[in-house]
Amino acid sequence: MISSANSRLLLLALLGVILWFFPVPDGLTDNAWQMMVIFVVTVLSLILAPLPLGAMALIGLVACTILGVLPIKTALSGFANPTIWMIAAAFFISRGFISTGFGRRVGYWFISKLGHNSLGLAYGLVLTDLLFAPATPSTTARCGGIISPLFRSVAAAYDSDPEKGTENKIGAFLVQCIFQCNAITCAMFLTSMAGNPLAANFAKEQGVEITWAGWALAAIVPSALCLFLIPLVMYYVFPPELKKTPEMRALAKKHLVEMGAMSRAEWMVGLTFIGMVTLWVLGPTLGLHATVTALLGLVFLLITRTITWDAVLGEKEAWHTITWFAVLVMMAAQLNSLGFIKWFGDYVSSSLSGFGWVTTIAILLLVYYYSHYLMASAMAHISAMYSAFLAIAISAGAPPMLAAIVLGIFSNLYMSTTHYSSGPAPILFGAGYHSLQNWWKIGFVFSLIVIPIFFFVGGAWWKILGMW
């Protein structure tokens, strides 16, 4: 009997064969079409997941060479991409936030200052997430290793437990504040979600160079407004039963006292974090590549023995990311160099030519956002749609930098939709504070708040910045 995973592999192989022998459209070379077939089958394999993402990416790489589409040197070229190593170094460094206790200390500090009521607690947890976002590309590690334990300790302190039927005391409110705001913090920085550098690389293949500071500047105003409004709206639309929480400030202070003075390792992690963010902002002025900054931070932590090389080797998620990231970046580069991206963008934009670029990009963003209900991976979503949508927007006359960054931002916003929409989603949903129906309902309701903010407030801010 064929297993479910094997049946999906056979289905993908069959689809690949059918597409491979499909007549090549006018305006495309055989190589461009064949590269597209391999790319499409690879992306579909990331969605159907008959094997882990990295394994499927390697299968796609091998297919490129065995089928004669690319020489092996070109197929492996993605592993030399600097952005891949920037994001990997950030993964390694972020582990220090968790292992040293620095992340937990910062969270308790925010709670000790803001935890006098449930709304303040929500802002304290959100600010903790925001603080670590610039140097923590693994949203799963950030949420699972720092934010979720803090949230659970708060819920436990007030006996807010789904098994006891007391989830609405405070836990249900806090978990959705964390989930909705995590998508915003991911959207704020080039290094706050692993898919952002992937999107930036896809944009670079189409001639758009996104810097760390440029992304952050474009995202800061609409994102900050969302981070302020989401807990506030949640407080009134889906309110907690418990409004006042004066004990939490004292409890947080007690935890801080128990932790004692900051250890040497915590100081090293804190200094590294500040130094990296500073150099990422000043990098273009100093002529320092963002990857060099990330590697400097990693080397500093290794030299000071804050993290060990064994810990680096054991960071499976980072090495996994290097594998699939390199393959997808290589495939996107080849699709562009072989002319497929331009052909596809021109083809689709011609059917939208009567709308103008503003309407076209609005339609693209809405389709891009709500199609995530069909996706279980932000990476697969970006891989499948970002390059094509960017090409369409540029062909329609949209300013390239505006289109590239806004699509990049929306590559994070849609992670607040379902219980499988991102790495943190199953962690937070699995805590059991919401029914599936309620989780989806809240995700949809807040999309009606977040999207207009980015359309209108973001649009005005981007106009001030001269992006359009």
Protein backbone atom coordinates (compact mmCIF):
# COMPACT_ATOMS: atom_id res chain seq x y z
CA MET A 1 0.00 0.00 0.00
CA ILE A 2 1.38 3.42 -1.00
CA SER A 3 1.80 5.85 1.89
CA SER A 4 0.32 9.35 1.82
CA ALA A 5 3.78 10.93 1.46
CA ASN A 6 4.73 8.63 -1.42
CA SER A 7 1.44 9.28 -3.19
CA ARG A 8 2.15 13.01 -3.01
CA LEU A 9 5.62 12.44 -4.43
CA LEU A 10 4.15 10.45 -7.32
CA LEU A 11 1.56 13.17 -7.94
CA LEU A 12 4.28 15.83 -8.08
CA ALA A 13 6.39 13.71 -10.42
CA LEU A 14 3.40 13.18 -12.73
CA LEU A 15 2.65 16.90 -12.77
CA GLY A 16 6.28 17.62 -13.59
CA VAL A 17 6.26 15.21 -16.54
CA ILE A 18 3.03 16.71 -17.92
CA LEU A 19 4.34 20.28 -17.66
CA TRP A 20 7.75 19.30 -19.04
CA PHE A 21 6.24 18.11 -22.33
CA PHE A 22 3.67 20.90 -22.51
CA PRO A 23 4.13 23.17 -25.57
CA VAL A 24 6.50 26.04 -24.75
CA PRO A 25 4.62 29.38 -24.88
CA ASP A 26 5.67 31.95 -27.47
CA GLY A 27 8.40 34.26 -26.24
CA LEU A 28 10.06 31.67 -23.98
CA THR A 29 13.08 29.45 -24.55
CA ASP A 30 12.99 25.73 -23.78
CA ASN A 31 15.40 26.31 -20.86
CA ALA A 32 13.21 29.03 -19.35
CA TRP A 33 10.13 26.79 -19.51
CA GLN A 34 11.99 23.80 -18.05
CA MET A 35 13.35 25.94 -15.21
CA MET A 36 9.81 27.14 -14.50
CA VAL A 37 8.53 23.54 -14.38
CA ILE A 38 11.16 22.51 -11.85
CA PHE A 39 10.51 25.63 -9.78
CA VAL A 40 6.72 25.13 -9.76
CA VAL A 41 7.02 21.45 -8.78
CA THR A 42 9.55 22.37 -6.06
CA VAL A 43 7.27 25.04 -4.59
CA LEU A 44 4.26 22.71 -4.71
CA SER A 45 6.35 20.13 -2.90
CA LEU A 46 6.99 22.68 -0.13
CA ILE A 47 3.23 23.08 0.23
CA LEU A 48 2.31 19.39 0.04
CA ALA A 49 5.39 18.43 2.11
CA PRO A 50 5.88 14.75 1.27
CA LEU A 51 9.40 15.26 2.69
CA PRO A 52 10.91 18.04 4.84
CA LEU A 53 11.34 21.38 3.07
CA GLY A 54 15.14 21.12 2.81
CA ALA A 55 14.96 17.62 1.33
CA MET A 56 12.47 18.72 -1.34
CA ALA A 57 14.65 21.70 -2.21
CA LEU A 58 17.64 19.42 -2.74
CA ILE A 59 15.55 17.17 -5.00
CA GLY A 60 14.77 20.26 -7.09
CA LEU A 61 18.46 21.17 -7.25
CA VAL A 62 19.42 17.68 -8.40
CA ALA A 63 16.63 17.73 -11.01
CA CYS A 64 18.08 20.93 -12.49
CA THR A 65 21.40 19.23 -13.16
CA ILE A 66 20.27 15.70 -14.12
CA LEU A 67 17.77 17.07 -16.64
CA GLY A 68 20.44 19.30 -18.18
CA VAL A 69 18.74 22.61 -17.34
CA LEU A 70 21.70 23.97 -15.36
CA PRO A 71 25.35 23.00 -14.85
CA ILE A 72 26.19 21.89 -11.31
CA LYS A 73 28.23 25.04 -10.60
CA THR A 74 25.22 27.24 -11.37
CA ALA A 75 22.87 24.96 -9.41
CA LEU A 76 25.06 25.35 -6.32
CA SER A 77 25.57 29.11 -6.74
CA GLY A 78 22.83 29.93 -4.22
CA PHE A 79 25.03 28.70 -1.36
CA ALA A 80 27.40 31.61 -2.05
CA ASN A 81 24.64 34.18 -1.59
CA PRO A 82 25.63 36.56 1.27
CA THR A 83 22.08 37.05 2.54
CA ILE A 84 21.78 33.35 3.30
CA TRP A 85 24.70 33.57 5.69
CA MET A 86 23.37 36.77 7.24
CA ILE A 87 20.11 35.09 8.17
CA ALA A 88 21.93 31.95 9.38
CA ALA A 89 24.22 34.02 11.64
CA ALA A 90 21.17 35.80 13.06
CA PHE A 91 19.64 32.39 13.84
CA PHE A 92 22.76 31.38 15.76
CA ILE A 93 22.87 34.66 17.67
CA SER A 94 19.19 34.56 18.59
CA ARG A 95 19.78 31.29 20.40
CA GLY A 96 21.86 33.31 22.88
CA PHE A 97 18.82 35.40 23.81
CA ILE A 98 17.11 32.24 25.01
CA SER A 99 19.97 30.20 26.46
CA THR A 100 21.40 33.06 28.57
CA GLY A 101 18.01 34.10 29.97
CA PHE A 102 18.39 37.60 28.52
CA GLY A 103 15.07 37.39 26.67
CA ARG A 104 13.19 36.28 29.78
CA ARG A 105 14.77 39.10 31.81
CA VAL A 106 13.68 41.74 29.30
CA GLY A 107 10.15 40.32 29.27
CA TYR A 108 9.87 40.43 33.06
CA TRP A 109 11.19 44.00 33.03
CA PHE A 110 8.46 45.13 30.63
CA ILE A 111 5.82 43.34 32.71
CA SER A 112 7.14 44.97 35.90
CA LYS A 113 6.60 48.37 34.31
CA LEU A 114 3.35 47.81 32.38
CA GLY A 115 1.64 44.89 34.11
CA HIS A 116 -0.82 46.80 36.31
CA ASN A 117 -3.71 45.73 34.05
CA SER A 118 -4.39 43.18 31.30
CA LEU A 119 -3.92 45.74 28.53
CA GLY A 120 -0.55 46.73 29.96
CA LEU A 121 0.46 43.08 30.12
CA ALA A 122 -0.41 42.71 26.44
CA TYR A 123 1.73 45.71 25.54
CA GLY A 124 4.57 44.37 27.68
CA LEU A 125 4.59 41.04 25.81
CA VAL A 126 4.30 42.79 22.44
CA LEU A 127 7.18 45.15 23.25
CA THR A 128 9.32 42.17 24.26
CA ASP A 129 8.61 40.59 20.88
CA LEU A 130 9.37 43.89 19.13
CA LEU A 131 12.67 44.37 20.94
CA PHE A 132 14.07 41.00 19.85
CA ALA A 133 12.57 41.01 16.36
CA PRO A 134 15.48 42.78 14.57
CA ALA A 135 17.95 40.02 15.43
CA THR A 136 15.70 36.97 15.70
CA PRO A 137 14.68 35.72 12.24
CA SER A 138 13.21 32.54 13.69
CA THR A 139 9.71 33.55 14.72
CA THR A 140 9.24 30.08 16.15
CA ALA A 141 12.27 30.50 18.43
CA ARG A 142 11.26 34.03 19.40
CA CYS A 143 7.70 33.07 20.20
CA GLY A 144 8.33 29.58 21.53
CA GLY A 145 11.49 30.38 23.47
CA ILE A 146 10.80 33.87 24.85
CA ILE A 147 7.22 35.12 24.47
CA SER A 148 5.18 31.94 24.99
CA PRO A 149 6.82 31.01 28.35
CA LEU A 150 6.18 34.56 29.61
CA PHE A 151 2.56 34.41 28.48
CA ARG A 152 2.01 31.02 30.10
CA SER A 153 3.45 32.23 33.41
CA VAL A 154 1.05 35.19 33.41
CA ALA A 155 -1.95 32.98 32.58
CA ALA A 156 -0.96 30.48 35.25
CA ALA A 157 -0.63 33.23 37.85
CA TYR A 158 -4.31 34.06 37.36
CA ASP A 159 -5.45 30.45 36.95
CA SER A 160 -6.54 31.13 33.37
CA ASP A 161 -6.62 27.55 32.12
CA PRO A 162 -8.64 26.08 29.21
CA GLU A 163 -8.93 22.76 31.03
CA LYS A 164 -10.69 24.55 33.91
CA GLY A 165 -12.91 26.62 31.64
CA THR A 166 -11.21 29.84 32.77
CA GLU A 167 -9.44 30.66 29.48
CA ASN A 168 -11.29 33.94 29.09
CA LYS A 169 -9.94 35.34 32.35
CA ILE A 170 -6.86 36.67 30.59
CA GLY A 171 -5.18 33.90 28.56
CA ALA A 172 -7.45 34.05 25.49
CA PHE A 173 -6.96 37.81 25.26
CA LEU A 174 -3.19 37.72 25.62
CA VAL A 175 -2.59 34.84 23.21
CA GLN A 176 -4.38 36.62 20.36
CA CYS A 177 -2.60 39.92 21.09
CA ILE A 178 0.70 38.06 20.82
CA PHE A 179 -0.33 36.23 17.64
CA GLN A 180 -1.71 39.25 15.79
CA CYS A 181 1.17 41.52 16.79
CA ASN A 182 3.82 38.91 15.97
CA ALA A 183 2.91 39.25 12.28
CA ILE A 184 3.51 43.00 12.59
CA THR A 185 6.90 42.69 14.32
CA CYS A 186 7.93 40.20 11.63
CA ALA A 187 7.04 42.78 8.98
CA MET A 188 9.08 45.58 10.55
CA PHE A 189 12.65 44.46 9.84
CA LEU A 190 14.54 42.69 7.09
CA THR A 191 15.94 40.29 9.71
CA SER A 192 12.82 39.67 11.82
CA MET A 193 11.50 36.75 9.73
CA ALA A 194 13.48 34.26 7.68
CA GLY A 195 11.36 34.88 4.59
CA ASN A 196 12.16 38.60 4.43
CA PRO A 197 15.70 38.20 3.07
CA LEU A 198 14.30 35.66 0.61
CA ALA A 199 11.87 38.30 -0.66
CA ALA A 200 14.70 40.86 -0.77
CA ASN A 201 16.77 38.47 -2.87
CA PHE A 202 13.89 37.93 -5.27
CA ALA A 203 13.57 41.73 -5.54
CA LYS A 204 17.30 42.05 -6.21
CA GLU A 205 16.96 39.67 -9.14
CA GLN A 206 14.59 42.23 -10.66
CA GLY A 207 16.94 45.13 -10.04
CA VAL A 208 15.56 46.37 -6.70
CA GLU A 209 18.10 46.59 -3.86
CA ILE A 210 16.38 46.69 -0.44
CA THR A 211 18.55 47.76 2.51
CA TRP A 212 17.94 46.93 6.16
CA ALA A 213 17.37 50.60 7.02
CA GLY A 214 15.16 51.17 3.96
CA TRP A 215 12.83 48.31 4.90
CA ALA A 216 12.66 49.40 8.56
CA LEU A 217 11.97 53.04 7.67
CA ALA A 218 9.18 52.10 5.28
CA ALA A 219 7.52 49.76 7.79
CA ILE A 220 7.86 51.73 11.02
CA VAL A 221 4.88 54.12 10.89
CA PRO A 222 2.03 51.78 9.83
CA SER A 223 3.52 48.96 11.93
CA ALA A 224 3.81 51.09 15.07
CA LEU A 225 0.19 52.17 14.66
CA CYS A 226 -0.90 48.53 14.31
CA LEU A 227 1.07 47.51 17.42
CA PHE A 228 -0.69 50.25 19.36
CA LEU A 229 -4.19 49.55 18.03
CA ILE A 230 -4.32 45.74 17.98
CA PRO A 231 -4.21 45.17 21.79
CA LEU A 232 -6.51 48.16 22.31
CA VAL A 233 -9.11 46.93 19.82
CA MET A 234 -8.78 43.38 21.15
CA TYR A 235 -9.39 44.71 24.66
CA TYR A 236 -12.79 46.12 23.62
CA VAL A 237 -13.88 43.64 20.92
CA PHE A 238 -12.67 40.41 22.58
CA PRO A 239 -12.18 41.60 26.18
CA PRO A 240 -10.59 39.62 29.02
CA GLU A 241 -12.72 38.99 32.09
CA LEU A 242 -9.87 40.18 34.29
CA LYS A 243 -9.10 43.88 33.81
CA LYS A 244 -6.83 44.76 36.76
CA THR A 245 -3.64 42.76 37.38
CA PRO A 246 -1.69 44.65 40.07
CA GLU A 247 -0.02 41.48 41.33
CA MET A 248 1.83 40.92 38.05
CA ARG A 249 4.19 43.85 38.51
CA ALA A 250 5.24 42.55 41.90
CA LEU A 251 5.53 39.00 40.56
CA ALA A 252 7.72 40.14 37.67
CA LYS A 253 9.94 42.08 40.05
CA LYS A 254 10.23 38.97 42.19
CA HIS A 255 11.35 36.93 39.16
CA LEU A 256 13.94 39.59 38.33
CA VAL A 257 15.28 39.48 41.88
CA GLU A 258 15.48 35.69 41.68
CA MET A 259 17.45 35.97 38.43
CA GLY A 260 19.94 38.24 40.18
CA ALA A 261 22.29 40.66 38.44
CA MET A 262 22.83 40.30 34.71
CA SER A 263 25.39 37.62 33.99
CA ARG A 264 28.43 38.17 31.81
CA ALA A 265 26.78 36.12 29.05
CA GLU A 266 23.67 38.32 29.14
CA TRP A 267 25.80 41.46 28.86
CA MET A 268 27.60 40.00 25.85
CA VAL A 269 24.32 39.13 24.14
CA GLY A 270 22.90 42.58 24.88
CA LEU A 271 25.99 44.36 23.54
CA THR A 272 25.97 42.20 20.43
CA PHE A 273 22.32 42.97 19.80
CA ILE A 274 22.83 46.74 20.11
CA GLY A 275 25.96 46.64 17.96
CA MET A 276 24.34 44.63 15.19
CA VAL A 277 21.26 46.83 14.93
CA THR A 278 23.46 49.95 14.92
CA LEU A 279 25.66 48.61 12.13
CA TRP A 280 22.65 47.42 10.12
CA VAL A 281 21.28 50.96 10.23
CA LEU A 282 24.62 52.63 9.46
CA GLY A 283 25.90 49.91 7.14
CA PRO A 284 25.16 51.68 3.81
CA THR A 285 26.96 54.81 5.07
CA LEU A 286 29.95 52.87 6.39
CA GLY A 287 30.12 50.58 3.38
CA LEU A 288 29.59 47.54 5.62
CA HIS A 289 27.51 44.69 4.20
CA ALA A 290 24.68 43.43 6.42
CA THR A 291 26.09 39.90 6.27
CA VAL A 292 29.46 41.08 7.60
CA THR A 293 27.63 42.69 10.52
CA ALA A 294 25.80 39.45 11.34
CA LEU A 295 29.00 37.41 11.10
CA LEU A 296 30.81 39.93 13.31
CA GLY A 297 28.14 39.46 15.95
CA LEU A 298 28.46 35.68 15.75
CA VAL A 299 32.26 35.77 15.93
CA PHE A 300 32.11 38.11 18.95
CA LEU A 301 29.83 35.71 20.83
CA LEU A 302 32.10 32.77 19.93
CA ILE A 303 35.27 34.59 21.00
CA THR A 304 33.72 35.64 24.30
CA ARG A 305 32.43 32.06 24.75
CA THR A 306 28.89 33.32 25.15
CA ILE A 307 27.79 30.62 22.75
CA THR A 308 29.77 27.54 21.77
CA TRP A 309 30.55 26.10 18.35
CA ASP A 310 28.68 22.95 19.39
CA ALA A 311 25.60 25.13 19.94
CA VAL A 312 26.07 26.55 16.44
CA LEU A 313 26.34 23.08 14.95
CA GLY A 314 23.26 22.01 16.86
CA GLU A 315 21.08 24.83 15.53
CA LYS A 316 19.16 22.62 13.11
CA GLU A 317 16.70 25.29 11.99
CA ALA A 318 19.53 27.53 10.78
CA TRP A 319 21.23 24.80 8.72
CA HIS A 320 17.85 23.73 7.40
CA THR A 321 17.21 27.34 6.33
CA ILE A 322 20.58 27.56 4.56
CA THR A 323 19.67 24.51 2.47
CA TRP A 324 16.23 25.50 1.20
CA PHE A 325 17.08 29.20 1.03
CA ALA A 326 20.09 28.58 -1.24
CA VAL A 327 18.10 26.41 -3.65
CA LEU A 328 15.14 28.79 -3.92
CA VAL A 329 17.39 31.83 -4.38
CA MET A 330 19.26 30.01 -7.16
CA MET A 331 16.03 29.01 -8.90
CA ALA A 332 14.61 32.53 -8.71
CA ALA A 333 17.83 33.95 -10.13
CA GLN A 334 17.72 31.52 -13.05
CA LEU A 335 14.04 32.20 -13.77
CA ASN A 336 14.94 35.86 -14.04
CA SER A 337 18.11 35.45 -16.09
CA LEU A 338 16.37 33.07 -18.50
CA GLY A 339 13.61 35.64 -19.06
CA PHE A 340 10.64 33.88 -17.51
CA ILE A 341 9.87 36.52 -14.85
CA LYS A 342 9.79 39.37 -17.34
CA TRP A 343 7.66 37.34 -19.77
CA PHE A 344 5.15 36.43 -17.06
CA GLY A 345 4.98 39.97 -15.70
CA ASP A 346 4.35 41.45 -19.14
CA TYR A 347 1.75 38.79 -19.94
CA VAL A 348 -0.34 39.32 -16.79
CA SER A 349 0.07 43.10 -16.61
CA SER A 350 -1.30 43.43 -20.15
CA SER A 351 -4.62 42.00 -18.91
CA LEU A 352 -4.67 44.54 -16.06
CA SER A 353 -3.53 47.50 -18.15
CA GLY A 354 -6.83 49.36 -17.84
CA PHE A 355 -6.65 49.61 -14.05
CA GLY A 356 -3.51 51.68 -13.50
CA TRP A 357 -0.68 50.72 -11.17
CA VAL A 358 -2.36 51.80 -7.90
CA THR A 359 -5.41 49.59 -8.47
CA THR A 360 -3.24 46.79 -9.81
CA ILE A 361 -0.97 46.70 -6.76
CA ALA A 362 -3.99 46.90 -4.41
CA ILE A 363 -5.55 43.87 -6.14
CA LEU A 364 -2.26 41.99 -6.02
CA LEU A 365 -1.81 42.68 -2.30
CA LEU A 366 -5.32 41.50 -1.44
CA VAL A 367 -4.89 38.33 -3.48
CA TYR A 368 -1.43 37.83 -1.95
CA TYR A 369 -2.79 38.24 1.60
CA TYR A 370 -5.95 36.14 1.46
CA SER A 371 -4.41 33.35 -0.61
CA HIS A 372 -2.43 32.50 2.52
CA TYR A 373 -5.49 30.65 3.77
CA LEU A 374 -4.37 27.99 1.29
CA MET A 375 -0.78 27.98 2.55
CA ALA A 376 0.85 26.35 5.56
CA SER A 377 4.22 28.03 5.05
CA ALA A 378 5.18 31.66 4.61
CA MET A 379 8.33 30.49 2.82
CA ALA A 380 6.37 28.49 0.28
CA HIS A 381 4.01 31.42 -0.23
CA ILE A 382 6.87 33.85 -0.87
CA SER A 383 8.56 31.35 -3.16
CA ALA A 384 5.41 30.75 -5.15
CA MET A 385 4.10 34.27 -5.60
CA TYR A 386 6.48 37.09 -4.61
CA SER A 387 8.62 37.28 -7.77
CA ALA A 388 5.66 36.95 -10.11
CA PHE A 389 3.57 39.55 -8.28
CA LEU A 390 6.51 41.96 -8.14
CA ALA A 391 7.07 41.56 -11.88
CA ILE A 392 3.38 42.24 -12.54
CA ALA A 393 3.38 45.35 -10.33
CA ILE A 394 6.50 46.76 -11.97
CA SER A 395 5.16 46.02 -15.46
CA ALA A 396 1.95 47.87 -14.51
CA GLY A 397 4.01 50.97 -13.72
CA ALA A 398 4.34 50.72 -9.93
CA PRO A 399 7.54 52.24 -8.46
CA PRO A 400 9.85 49.20 -8.10
CA MET A 401 11.07 49.96 -4.55
CA LEU A 402 7.55 50.60 -3.29
CA ALA A 403 6.22 47.39 -4.84
CA ALA A 404 9.14 45.30 -3.55
CA ILE A 405 8.96 46.52 0.07
CA VAL A 406 5.16 46.50 0.34
CA LEU A 407 4.98 42.95 -1.01
CA GLY A 408 7.72 42.05 1.47
CA ILE A 409 5.73 43.55 4.33
CA PHE A 410 2.57 41.72 3.28
CA SER A 411 4.63 38.50 3.22
CA ASN A 412 4.41 38.76 7.02
CA LEU A 413 1.01 40.31 7.63
CA TYR A 414 -0.82 37.24 6.36
CA MET A 415 0.76 35.12 9.11
CA SER A 416 -1.99 36.33 11.49
CA THR A 417 -4.78 34.42 9.73
CA THR A 418 -5.00 30.71 10.59
CA HIS A 419 -3.77 28.17 13.13
CA TYR A 420 -1.23 26.89 10.58
CA SER A 421 -0.19 30.20 9.00
CA SER A 422 3.28 30.48 10.59
CA GLY A 423 5.69 28.83 13.01
CA PRO A 424 4.19 30.51 16.10
CA ALA A 425 0.60 29.71 15.04
CA PRO A 426 0.49 26.04 16.14
CA ILE A 427 2.42 26.89 19.32
CA LEU A 428 -0.08 29.54 20.39
CA PHE A 429 -3.21 27.81 19.08
CA GLY A 430 -2.05 24.58 20.71
CA ALA A 431 -2.25 26.25 24.12
CA GLY A 432 -6.00 25.69 23.77
CA TYR A 433 -7.33 29.15 24.65
CA HIS A 434 -9.48 29.48 21.49
CA SER A 435 -11.69 27.25 19.40
CA LEU A 436 -10.71 26.85 15.75
CA GLN A 437 -13.74 28.88 14.67
CA ASN A 438 -12.86 31.74 17.01
CA TRP A 439 -9.20 31.72 15.93
CA TRP A 440 -10.14 32.10 12.26
CA LYS A 441 -12.80 34.72 13.03
CA ILE A 442 -10.37 36.92 14.95
CA GLY A 443 -7.76 36.55 12.21
CA PHE A 444 -10.23 37.73 9.57
CA VAL A 445 -11.60 40.61 11.68
CA PHE A 446 -8.12 42.00 12.29
CA SER A 447 -7.22 41.72 8.62
CA LEU A 448 -9.97 44.33 8.08
CA ILE A 449 -8.07 46.64 10.44
CA VAL A 450 -4.46 45.93 9.48
CA ILE A 451 -4.81 46.00 5.68
CA PRO A 452 -6.49 49.45 5.55
CA ILE A 453 -3.82 50.85 7.90
CA PHE A 454 -1.07 49.74 5.54
CA PHE A 455 -3.02 50.87 2.48
CA PHE A 456 -3.87 54.35 3.70
CA VAL A 457 -1.54 55.30 6.57
CA GLY A 458 1.29 53.35 4.97
CA GLY A 459 0.52 54.85 1.58
CA ALA A 460 0.69 58.38 3.00
CA TRP A 461 3.95 57.59 4.82
CA TRP A 462 5.51 56.13 1.68
CA LYS A 463 4.46 59.26 -0.21
CA ILE A 464 6.27 61.40 2.38
CA LEU A 465 9.35 59.18 1.96
CA GLY A 466 9.21 59.78 -1.79
CA MET A 467 8.65 56.11 -2.65
CA TRP A 468 5.89 57.07 -5.07
